[in-house]
Amino acid sequence: MARFLDLTEEELFKQFLVLDYVEGFGERSCYVSPARKNDPPGRIVEADWTFVDSPCIFLRDYKCSIEHVKPKGGRKFNCSLMTNSKSNVIGYSKKKAAQDWSKNDLLKRLVILSARPDD
């Protein structure tokens, strides 16, 4: 996505992405998600955050503007499939997203970046 948008990974995060999370066994497991339109990117969102309240920041004219470069979770559904159950209608839940991102070095860097004030 960063290459497609001609940004660094950090710039991509600060401009277009958020960290969502699930909690279990006293531990928070984060994963990367597109921000919603009109929401500030580059941060950790609230536990009940979903796309129900606002569409994805990459949605343009009812189409995904990054369709060909979506990460794994984004390829499993499109914006119209989101529900208020915190998972889409084909079952890609926040828990599954966190599991898929759990061993990703980029996620570790973004968690640190989300805690820092803007440069």
N, C-alpha and C. Protein backbone atom coordinates (compact mmCIF):
# COMPACT_ATOMS: atom_id res chain seq x y z
N MET A 1 0.82 -1.19 0.00
CA MET A 1 0.00 0.00 0.00
C MET A 1 0.86 1.25 0.00
N ALA A 2 1.92 1.22 0.81
CA ALA A 2 2.79 2.40 0.88
C ALA A 2 3.41 2.70 -0.48
N ARG A 3 3.94 1.67 -1.14
CA ARG A 3 4.53 1.89 -2.47
C ARG A 3 3.48 2.40 -3.45
N PHE A 4 2.28 1.82 -3.42
CA PHE A 4 1.20 2.22 -4.31
C PHE A 4 0.87 3.70 -4.14
N LEU A 5 0.89 4.19 -2.91
CA LEU A 5 0.56 5.58 -2.60
C LEU A 5 1.79 6.48 -2.55
N ASP A 6 2.96 5.92 -2.85
CA ASP A 6 4.23 6.64 -2.85
C ASP A 6 4.50 7.30 -1.49
N LEU A 7 4.36 6.49 -0.43
CA LEU A 7 4.59 6.94 0.94
C LEU A 7 5.50 5.95 1.65
N THR A 8 6.11 6.38 2.74
CA THR A 8 6.79 5.43 3.61
C THR A 8 5.70 4.72 4.42
N GLU A 9 6.06 3.62 5.06
CA GLU A 9 5.08 2.92 5.89
C GLU A 9 4.59 3.82 7.03
N GLU A 10 5.49 4.59 7.60
CA GLU A 10 5.12 5.49 8.69
C GLU A 10 4.17 6.59 8.19
N GLU A 11 4.45 7.16 7.01
CA GLU A 11 3.56 8.17 6.44
C GLU A 11 2.19 7.58 6.14
N LEU A 12 2.17 6.38 5.61
CA LEU A 12 0.90 5.69 5.33
C LEU A 12 0.09 5.57 6.61
N PHE A 13 0.72 5.14 7.68
CA PHE A 13 0.03 4.99 8.96
C PHE A 13 -0.51 6.32 9.46
N LYS A 14 0.33 7.33 9.45
CA LYS A 14 -0.09 8.64 9.97
C LYS A 14 -1.20 9.28 9.15
N GLN A 15 -1.30 8.93 7.86
CA GLN A 15 -2.29 9.57 6.99
C GLN A 15 -3.54 8.73 6.74
N PHE A 16 -3.44 7.40 6.85
CA PHE A 16 -4.56 6.56 6.40
C PHE A 16 -4.93 5.39 7.30
N LEU A 17 -4.14 5.05 8.27
CA LEU A 17 -4.38 3.81 9.02
C LEU A 17 -4.57 4.06 10.51
N VAL A 18 -5.15 3.09 11.19
CA VAL A 18 -5.27 3.08 12.64
C VAL A 18 -4.90 1.70 13.15
N LEU A 19 -4.69 1.60 14.45
CA LEU A 19 -4.52 0.32 15.09
C LEU A 19 -5.80 0.01 15.84
N ASP A 20 -6.42 -1.08 15.50
CA ASP A 20 -7.58 -1.59 16.23
C ASP A 20 -7.06 -2.73 17.10
N TYR A 21 -7.90 -3.24 18.00
CA TYR A 21 -7.40 -4.30 18.88
C TYR A 21 -8.53 -5.16 19.43
N VAL A 22 -8.12 -6.30 19.95
CA VAL A 22 -8.98 -7.17 20.73
C VAL A 22 -8.27 -7.42 22.05
N GLU A 23 -9.02 -7.72 23.09
CA GLU A 23 -8.41 -8.02 24.38
C GLU A 23 -8.78 -9.42 24.81
N GLY A 24 -7.82 -10.11 25.40
CA GLY A 24 -8.05 -11.43 25.93
C GLY A 24 -6.93 -11.82 26.86
N PHE A 25 -7.28 -12.47 27.96
CA PHE A 25 -6.30 -12.91 28.95
C PHE A 25 -5.45 -11.74 29.44
N GLY A 26 -6.08 -10.57 29.59
CA GLY A 26 -5.39 -9.40 30.09
C GLY A 26 -4.39 -8.79 29.13
N GLU A 27 -4.49 -9.16 27.87
CA GLU A 27 -3.54 -8.69 26.87
C GLU A 27 -4.27 -8.05 25.70
N ARG A 28 -3.69 -7.00 25.17
CA ARG A 28 -4.25 -6.31 24.01
C ARG A 28 -3.49 -6.76 22.77
N SER A 29 -4.23 -7.24 21.77
CA SER A 29 -3.62 -7.64 20.50
C SER A 29 -4.09 -6.69 19.42
N CYS A 30 -3.15 -5.95 18.86
CA CYS A 30 -3.48 -4.94 17.85
C CYS A 30 -3.39 -5.51 16.44
N TYR A 31 -4.02 -4.81 15.54
CA TYR A 31 -3.87 -5.06 14.11
C TYR A 31 -4.09 -3.76 13.37
N VAL A 32 -3.61 -3.70 12.15
CA VAL A 32 -3.69 -2.48 11.35
C VAL A 32 -4.97 -2.49 10.54
N SER A 33 -5.62 -1.35 10.48
CA SER A 33 -6.88 -1.21 9.74
C SER A 33 -6.91 0.17 9.07
N PRO A 34 -7.61 0.29 7.96
CA PRO A 34 -7.79 1.64 7.40
C PRO A 34 -8.58 2.51 8.39
N ALA A 35 -8.26 3.77 8.42
CA ALA A 35 -9.05 4.71 9.22
C ALA A 35 -10.42 4.89 8.57
N ARG A 36 -11.33 5.47 9.30
CA ARG A 36 -12.62 5.84 8.73
C ARG A 36 -12.53 7.28 8.24
N LYS A 37 -13.37 7.63 7.30
CA LYS A 37 -13.42 9.02 6.86
C LYS A 37 -13.76 9.89 8.06
N ASN A 38 -13.14 11.04 8.15
CA ASN A 38 -13.37 12.01 9.22
C ASN A 38 -12.86 11.57 10.59
N ASP A 39 -12.06 10.50 10.66
CA ASP A 39 -11.42 10.08 11.91
C ASP A 39 -9.93 10.37 11.80
N PRO A 40 -9.30 10.74 12.89
CA PRO A 40 -7.85 10.95 12.81
C PRO A 40 -7.10 9.63 12.68
N PRO A 41 -6.23 9.49 11.69
CA PRO A 41 -5.43 8.28 11.54
C PRO A 41 -4.20 8.31 12.45
N GLY A 42 -3.42 7.23 12.44
CA GLY A 42 -2.17 7.18 13.17
C GLY A 42 -2.31 7.00 14.66
N ARG A 43 -3.36 6.32 15.10
CA ARG A 43 -3.61 6.15 16.53
C ARG A 43 -4.23 4.79 16.80
N ILE A 44 -4.36 4.47 18.07
CA ILE A 44 -5.11 3.28 18.49
C ILE A 44 -6.55 3.72 18.72
N VAL A 45 -7.49 3.01 18.14
CA VAL A 45 -8.90 3.38 18.24
C VAL A 45 -9.56 2.75 19.46
N GLU A 46 -10.81 3.10 19.71
CA GLU A 46 -11.56 2.57 20.83
C GLU A 46 -11.93 1.10 20.57
N ALA A 47 -12.21 0.37 21.64
CA ALA A 47 -12.49 -1.07 21.54
C ALA A 47 -13.72 -1.38 20.70
N ASP A 48 -14.70 -0.48 20.67
CA ASP A 48 -15.93 -0.76 19.93
C ASP A 48 -15.92 -0.15 18.52
N TRP A 49 -14.77 0.22 18.03
CA TRP A 49 -14.61 0.85 16.73
C TRP A 49 -14.95 -0.12 15.60
N THR A 50 -15.80 0.31 14.67
CA THR A 50 -16.12 -0.46 13.46
C THR A 50 -16.36 0.52 12.32
N PHE A 51 -16.58 -0.01 11.13
CA PHE A 51 -16.90 0.83 9.98
C PHE A 51 -18.39 1.15 9.91
N VAL A 52 -19.17 0.71 10.87
CA VAL A 52 -20.61 0.97 10.86
C VAL A 52 -20.89 2.46 10.94
N ASP A 53 -20.11 3.18 11.76
CA ASP A 53 -20.35 4.60 11.99
C ASP A 53 -19.87 5.50 10.86
N SER A 54 -18.93 5.03 10.08
CA SER A 54 -18.34 5.86 9.03
C SER A 54 -17.61 4.94 8.06
N PRO A 55 -17.61 5.26 6.78
CA PRO A 55 -16.96 4.38 5.80
C PRO A 55 -15.44 4.46 5.86
N CYS A 56 -14.81 3.51 5.25
CA CYS A 56 -13.36 3.41 5.13
C CYS A 56 -12.81 4.64 4.41
N ILE A 57 -11.66 5.11 4.85
CA ILE A 57 -11.01 6.28 4.26
C ILE A 57 -10.64 6.06 2.79
N PHE A 58 -10.50 4.81 2.37
CA PHE A 58 -10.14 4.51 0.98
C PHE A 58 -11.35 4.35 0.06
N LEU A 59 -12.55 4.49 0.58
CA LEU A 59 -13.75 4.35 -0.24
C LEU A 59 -13.97 5.64 -1.03
N ARG A 60 -13.99 5.50 -2.36
CA ARG A 60 -14.20 6.64 -3.26
C ARG A 60 -15.28 6.27 -4.27
N ASP A 61 -16.32 7.05 -4.34
CA ASP A 61 -17.42 6.79 -5.28
C ASP A 61 -17.91 5.34 -5.17
N TYR A 62 -18.07 4.88 -3.93
CA TYR A 62 -18.58 3.53 -3.63
C TYR A 62 -17.65 2.41 -4.08
N LYS A 63 -16.38 2.73 -4.34
CA LYS A 63 -15.40 1.73 -4.74
C LYS A 63 -14.14 1.89 -3.90
N CYS A 64 -13.43 0.80 -3.71
CA CYS A 64 -12.18 0.83 -2.97
C CYS A 64 -11.08 1.40 -3.87
N SER A 65 -10.42 2.45 -3.41
CA SER A 65 -9.38 3.10 -4.20
C SER A 65 -8.04 2.37 -4.13
N ILE A 66 -7.93 1.36 -3.27
CA ILE A 66 -6.70 0.58 -3.16
C ILE A 66 -6.96 -0.92 -3.38
N GLU A 67 -7.98 -1.22 -4.12
CA GLU A 67 -8.45 -2.60 -4.31
C GLU A 67 -7.31 -3.57 -4.64
N HIS A 68 -6.41 -3.19 -5.52
CA HIS A 68 -5.37 -4.11 -5.99
C HIS A 68 -4.20 -4.27 -5.04
N VAL A 69 -4.15 -3.48 -3.98
CA VAL A 69 -3.03 -3.58 -3.04
C VAL A 69 -3.50 -3.80 -1.60
N LYS A 70 -4.73 -4.22 -1.42
CA LYS A 70 -5.25 -4.46 -0.07
C LYS A 70 -4.46 -5.57 0.62
N PRO A 71 -4.24 -5.43 1.95
CA PRO A 71 -3.64 -6.54 2.69
C PRO A 71 -4.65 -7.68 2.84
N LYS A 72 -4.20 -8.79 3.39
CA LYS A 72 -5.00 -10.01 3.49
C LYS A 72 -6.42 -9.77 4.03
N GLY A 73 -6.54 -9.09 5.16
CA GLY A 73 -7.86 -8.85 5.75
C GLY A 73 -8.76 -8.05 4.84
N GLY A 74 -8.22 -7.06 4.16
CA GLY A 74 -9.01 -6.25 3.25
C GLY A 74 -9.47 -7.00 2.03
N ARG A 75 -8.69 -8.00 1.59
CA ARG A 75 -9.09 -8.79 0.43
C ARG A 75 -10.25 -9.71 0.73
N LYS A 76 -10.46 -10.02 2.01
CA LYS A 76 -11.51 -10.95 2.38
C LYS A 76 -12.90 -10.34 2.34
N PHE A 77 -12.98 -9.04 2.30
CA PHE A 77 -14.31 -8.41 2.25
C PHE A 77 -14.21 -7.03 1.64
N ASN A 78 -15.37 -6.49 1.30
CA ASN A 78 -15.40 -5.10 0.86
C ASN A 78 -16.22 -4.29 1.85
N CYS A 79 -16.17 -3.01 1.74
CA CYS A 79 -16.80 -2.13 2.73
C CYS A 79 -18.28 -2.40 2.93
N SER A 80 -18.97 -2.81 1.89
CA SER A 80 -20.41 -3.02 2.01
C SER A 80 -20.77 -4.23 2.84
N LEU A 81 -19.79 -5.05 3.20
CA LEU A 81 -20.09 -6.24 3.99
C LEU A 81 -19.92 -6.03 5.49
N MET A 82 -19.55 -4.85 5.93
CA MET A 82 -19.36 -4.62 7.37
C MET A 82 -20.70 -4.57 8.09
N THR A 83 -20.70 -5.13 9.28
CA THR A 83 -21.90 -5.12 10.12
C THR A 83 -21.53 -4.57 11.49
N ASN A 84 -22.51 -4.38 12.35
CA ASN A 84 -22.22 -3.87 13.69
C ASN A 84 -21.78 -4.97 14.65
N SER A 85 -21.52 -6.17 14.15
CA SER A 85 -21.09 -7.27 15.01
C SER A 85 -19.58 -7.34 15.14
N LYS A 86 -18.87 -6.32 14.67
CA LYS A 86 -17.42 -6.25 14.72
C LYS A 86 -16.75 -7.31 13.85
N SER A 87 -17.51 -7.90 12.97
CA SER A 87 -16.93 -8.78 11.95
C SER A 87 -17.78 -8.63 10.71
N ASN A 88 -17.24 -8.98 9.58
CA ASN A 88 -18.04 -8.85 8.37
C ASN A 88 -18.88 -10.11 8.18
N VAL A 89 -19.72 -10.11 7.18
CA VAL A 89 -20.66 -11.22 7.01
C VAL A 89 -20.01 -12.53 6.62
N ILE A 90 -18.73 -12.52 6.24
CA ILE A 90 -18.08 -13.79 5.96
C ILE A 90 -17.17 -14.22 7.11
N GLY A 91 -17.26 -13.52 8.23
CA GLY A 91 -16.62 -13.99 9.44
C GLY A 91 -15.18 -13.58 9.69
N TYR A 92 -14.67 -12.59 9.01
CA TYR A 92 -13.31 -12.13 9.30
C TYR A 92 -13.39 -11.17 10.47
N SER A 93 -13.15 -11.68 11.65
CA SER A 93 -13.35 -10.92 12.88
C SER A 93 -12.11 -10.14 13.29
N LYS A 94 -12.28 -9.29 14.30
CA LYS A 94 -11.15 -8.56 14.86
C LYS A 94 -10.13 -9.54 15.44
N LYS A 95 -10.59 -10.61 16.04
CA LYS A 95 -9.68 -11.60 16.61
C LYS A 95 -8.81 -12.23 15.51
N LYS A 96 -9.41 -12.59 14.40
CA LYS A 96 -8.67 -13.19 13.30
C LYS A 96 -7.68 -12.18 12.72
N ALA A 97 -8.09 -10.94 12.58
CA ALA A 97 -7.19 -9.90 12.07
C ALA A 97 -5.98 -9.76 13.00
N ALA A 98 -6.22 -9.73 14.31
CA ALA A 98 -5.11 -9.61 15.27
C ALA A 98 -4.18 -10.81 15.18
N GLN A 99 -4.73 -12.00 15.01
CA GLN A 99 -3.89 -13.20 14.85
C GLN A 99 -3.03 -13.10 13.60
N ASP A 100 -3.61 -12.64 12.51
CA ASP A 100 -2.86 -12.53 11.25
C ASP A 100 -1.72 -11.52 11.34
N TRP A 101 -1.90 -10.48 12.15
CA TRP A 101 -0.86 -9.43 12.29
C TRP A 101 0.12 -9.71 13.42
N SER A 102 -0.11 -10.71 14.24
CA SER A 102 0.63 -10.88 15.49
C SER A 102 2.14 -11.01 15.34
N LYS A 103 2.62 -11.54 14.28
CA LYS A 103 4.06 -11.74 14.12
C LYS A 103 4.69 -10.76 13.12
N ASN A 104 3.99 -9.71 12.81
CA ASN A 104 4.45 -8.76 11.81
C ASN A 104 5.31 -7.67 12.45
N ASP A 105 6.53 -7.50 11.97
CA ASP A 105 7.42 -6.47 12.52
C ASP A 105 6.89 -5.06 12.31
N LEU A 106 6.19 -4.84 11.20
CA LEU A 106 5.61 -3.52 10.94
C LEU A 106 4.63 -3.15 12.06
N LEU A 107 3.82 -4.09 12.49
CA LEU A 107 2.86 -3.82 13.57
C LEU A 107 3.59 -3.32 14.81
N LYS A 108 4.68 -3.94 15.17
CA LYS A 108 5.43 -3.52 16.36
C LYS A 108 5.90 -2.08 16.22
N ARG A 109 6.39 -1.70 15.04
CA ARG A 109 6.84 -0.32 14.82
C ARG A 109 5.68 0.66 14.89
N LEU A 110 4.52 0.27 14.36
CA LEU A 110 3.37 1.17 14.35
C LEU A 110 2.78 1.36 15.74
N VAL A 111 2.83 0.33 16.57
CA VAL A 111 2.36 0.48 17.96
C VAL A 111 3.21 1.52 18.67
N ILE A 112 4.52 1.48 18.47
CA ILE A 112 5.41 2.48 19.06
C ILE A 112 5.13 3.86 18.48
N LEU A 113 4.95 3.93 17.16
CA LEU A 113 4.68 5.20 16.49
C LEU A 113 3.36 5.81 16.96
N SER A 114 2.35 4.99 17.22
CA SER A 114 1.04 5.52 17.64
C SER A 114 1.10 6.15 19.02
N ALA A 115 2.09 5.77 19.81
CA ALA A 115 2.21 6.32 21.15
C ALA A 115 3.01 7.62 21.20
N ARG A 116 3.72 7.91 20.13
CA ARG A 116 4.53 9.13 20.05
C ARG A 116 3.69 10.31 19.58
N PRO A 117 3.95 11.48 20.11
CA PRO A 117 3.28 12.67 19.55
C PRO A 117 3.73 12.91 18.13
N ASP A 118 2.91 13.61 17.38
CA ASP A 118 3.27 13.92 15.98
C ASP A 118 4.59 14.66 15.93
N ASP A 119 5.38 14.32 14.92
CA ASP A 119 6.69 14.96 14.74
C ASP A 119 6.51 16.36 14.19
